[in-house]
């Protein structure tokens, strides 16, 4: 008997892809307002954010939740914005 495997919604998506996608969509300032953590508000960069998020499970959970919510709304996919018009 084979068990059905449940696909994890973030399977294949790295933390870097999530942060990059959210920054591309919102920008650092708006992202910092949505997730109030210093790595998004004080001299933000992808590298410093990844370093902090890898060490801080509660902050990473907030990033994952926002990413999933935006992905569910069709705004993000694989760290990139989904094109909604043929022109781009």
C-alpha atoms as a PDB file:
ATOM      1  CA  UNK A   1       0.000   0.000   0.000  1.00  0.00           C
ATOM      2  CA  UNK A   2       1.360   3.394  -0.998  1.00  0.00           C
ATOM      3  CA  UNK A   3       0.739   6.479   1.055  1.00  0.00           C
ATOM      4  CA  UNK A   4      -0.062   9.677  -0.768  1.00  0.00           C
ATOM      5  CA  UNK A   5       2.584  12.258  -0.137  1.00  0.00           C
ATOM      6  CA  UNK A   6       1.332  15.667   0.796  1.00  0.00           C
ATOM      7  CA  UNK A   7       3.181  18.350  -1.105  1.00  0.00           C
ATOM      8  CA  UNK A   8       4.565  21.065   1.137  1.00  0.00           C
ATOM      9  CA  UNK A   9       3.541  24.421  -0.389  1.00  0.00           C
ATOM     10  CA  UNK A  10       7.081  25.811  -0.152  1.00  0.00           C
ATOM     11  CA  UNK A  11       8.737  22.719  -1.590  1.00  0.00           C
ATOM     12  CA  UNK A  12      11.537  23.795  -3.917  1.00  0.00           C
ATOM     13  CA  UNK A  13      11.371  27.462  -2.881  1.00  0.00           C
ATOM     14  CA  UNK A  14      14.392  28.732  -1.008  1.00  0.00           C
ATOM     15  CA  UNK A  15      14.362  31.394   1.670  1.00  0.00           C
ATOM     16  CA  UNK A  16      16.352  33.607  -0.696  1.00  0.00           C
ATOM     17  CA  UNK A  17      13.673  33.197  -3.375  1.00  0.00           C
ATOM     18  CA  UNK A  18      10.987  34.163  -0.860  1.00  0.00           C
ATOM     19  CA  UNK A  19      12.778  37.270   0.385  1.00  0.00           C
ATOM     20  CA  UNK A  20      13.716  38.342  -3.135  1.00  0.00           C
ATOM     21  CA  UNK A  21      10.158  37.874  -4.371  1.00  0.00           C
ATOM     22  CA  UNK A  22       8.686  39.824  -1.470  1.00  0.00           C
ATOM     23  CA  UNK A  23      11.199  42.656  -1.879  1.00  0.00           C
ATOM     24  CA  UNK A  24      10.522  42.822  -5.623  1.00  0.00           C
ATOM     25  CA  UNK A  25       6.793  42.950  -4.964  1.00  0.00           C
ATOM     26  CA  UNK A  26       6.623  45.275  -1.940  1.00  0.00           C
ATOM     27  CA  UNK A  27      10.001  46.996  -1.696  1.00  0.00           C
ATOM     28  CA  UNK A  28      11.977  47.116   1.557  1.00  0.00           C
ATOM     29  CA  UNK A  29       9.951  49.888   3.196  1.00  0.00           C
ATOM     30  CA  UNK A  30       6.548  48.274   2.656  1.00  0.00           C
ATOM     31  CA  UNK A  31       7.906  44.837   3.577  1.00  0.00           C
ATOM     32  CA  UNK A  32       9.275  46.304   6.821  1.00  0.00           C
ATOM     33  CA  UNK A  33       5.824  47.678   7.617  1.00  0.00           C
ATOM     34  CA  UNK A  34       4.194  44.291   7.028  1.00  0.00           C
ATOM     35  CA  UNK A  35       6.814  42.294   8.930  1.00  0.00           C
ATOM     36  CA  UNK A  36       8.273  44.497  11.624  1.00  0.00           C
ATOM     37  CA  UNK A  37      11.807  43.190  11.917  1.00  0.00           C
ATOM     38  CA  UNK A  38      14.941  45.307  11.823  1.00  0.00           C
ATOM     39  CA  UNK A  39      16.603  43.394   8.980  1.00  0.00           C
ATOM     40  CA  UNK A  40      13.860  44.796   6.709  1.00  0.00           C
ATOM     41  CA  UNK A  41      13.862  48.349   8.086  1.00  0.00           C
ATOM     42  CA  UNK A  42      17.423  49.271   9.044  1.00  0.00           C
ATOM     43  CA  UNK A  43      19.933  49.186   6.158  1.00  0.00           C
ATOM     44  CA  UNK A  44      18.227  46.152   4.564  1.00  0.00           C
ATOM     45  CA  UNK A  45      19.874  43.721   2.183  1.00  0.00           C
ATOM     46  CA  UNK A  46      19.112  40.222   0.988  1.00  0.00           C
ATOM     47  CA  UNK A  47      22.303  38.885   2.567  1.00  0.00           C
ATOM     48  CA  UNK A  48      21.721  40.379   6.029  1.00  0.00           C
ATOM     49  CA  UNK A  49      18.060  39.379   5.984  1.00  0.00           C
ATOM     50  CA  UNK A  50      18.891  35.774   5.108  1.00  0.00           C
ATOM     51  CA  UNK A  51      21.481  35.615   7.879  1.00  0.00           C
ATOM     52  CA  UNK A  52      18.943  36.837  10.450  1.00  0.00           C
ATOM     53  CA  UNK A  53      16.025  34.737   9.166  1.00  0.00           C
ATOM     54  CA  UNK A  54      18.065  31.526   9.176  1.00  0.00           C
ATOM     55  CA  UNK A  55      18.780  32.008  12.893  1.00  0.00           C
ATOM     56  CA  UNK A  56      15.327  33.245  13.927  1.00  0.00           C
ATOM     57  CA  UNK A  57      12.475  30.757  13.446  1.00  0.00           C
ATOM     58  CA  UNK A  58       9.650  33.145  14.446  1.00  0.00           C
ATOM     59  CA  UNK A  59      10.785  35.722  11.880  1.00  0.00           C
ATOM     60  CA  UNK A  60      11.213  33.108   9.166  1.00  0.00           C
ATOM     61  CA  UNK A  61       7.673  31.879   9.874  1.00  0.00           C
ATOM     62  CA  UNK A  62       6.329  35.382   9.270  1.00  0.00           C
ATOM     63  CA  UNK A  63       8.182  35.625   5.951  1.00  0.00           C
ATOM     64  CA  UNK A  64       6.907  32.197   4.888  1.00  0.00           C
ATOM     65  CA  UNK A  65       3.328  33.102   5.848  1.00  0.00           C
ATOM     66  CA  UNK A  66       3.402  36.356   3.878  1.00  0.00           C
ATOM     67  CA  UNK A  67       5.013  34.621   0.907  1.00  0.00           C
ATOM     68  CA  UNK A  68       2.365  31.885   0.930  1.00  0.00           C
ATOM     69  CA  UNK A  69      -0.443  34.443   1.192  1.00  0.00           C
ATOM     70  CA  UNK A  70       0.917  36.400  -1.766  1.00  0.00           C
ATOM     71  CA  UNK A  71       1.511  33.212  -3.751  1.00  0.00           C
ATOM     72  CA  UNK A  72      -2.061  32.083  -3.041  1.00  0.00           C
ATOM     73  CA  UNK A  73      -3.350  35.404  -4.372  1.00  0.00           C
ATOM     74  CA  UNK A  74      -1.348  34.819  -7.547  1.00  0.00           C
ATOM     75  CA  UNK A  75       1.080  37.651  -6.900  1.00  0.00           C
ATOM     76  CA  UNK A  76       4.272  35.596  -6.540  1.00  0.00           C
ATOM     77  CA  UNK A  77       5.710  32.385  -7.873  1.00  0.00           C
ATOM     78  CA  UNK A  78       9.190  31.046  -7.289  1.00  0.00           C
ATOM     79  CA  UNK A  79      10.547  34.324  -5.994  1.00  0.00           C
ATOM     80  CA  UNK A  80       9.282  36.289  -8.976  1.00  0.00           C
ATOM     81  CA  UNK A  81       6.262  38.392  -9.663  1.00  0.00           C
ATOM     82  CA  UNK A  82       3.682  36.728 -11.897  1.00  0.00           C
ATOM     83  CA  UNK A  83       3.022  38.695 -15.065  1.00  0.00           C
ATOM     84  CA  UNK A  84      -0.679  39.521 -15.254  1.00  0.00           C
ATOM     85  CA  UNK A  85      -0.681  41.188 -18.665  1.00  0.00           C
ATOM     86  CA  UNK A  86       0.765  40.020 -21.980  1.00  0.00           C
ATOM     87  CA  UNK A  87       3.006  43.096 -22.110  1.00  0.00           C
ATOM     88  CA  UNK A  88       4.603  42.194 -18.751  1.00  0.00           C
END
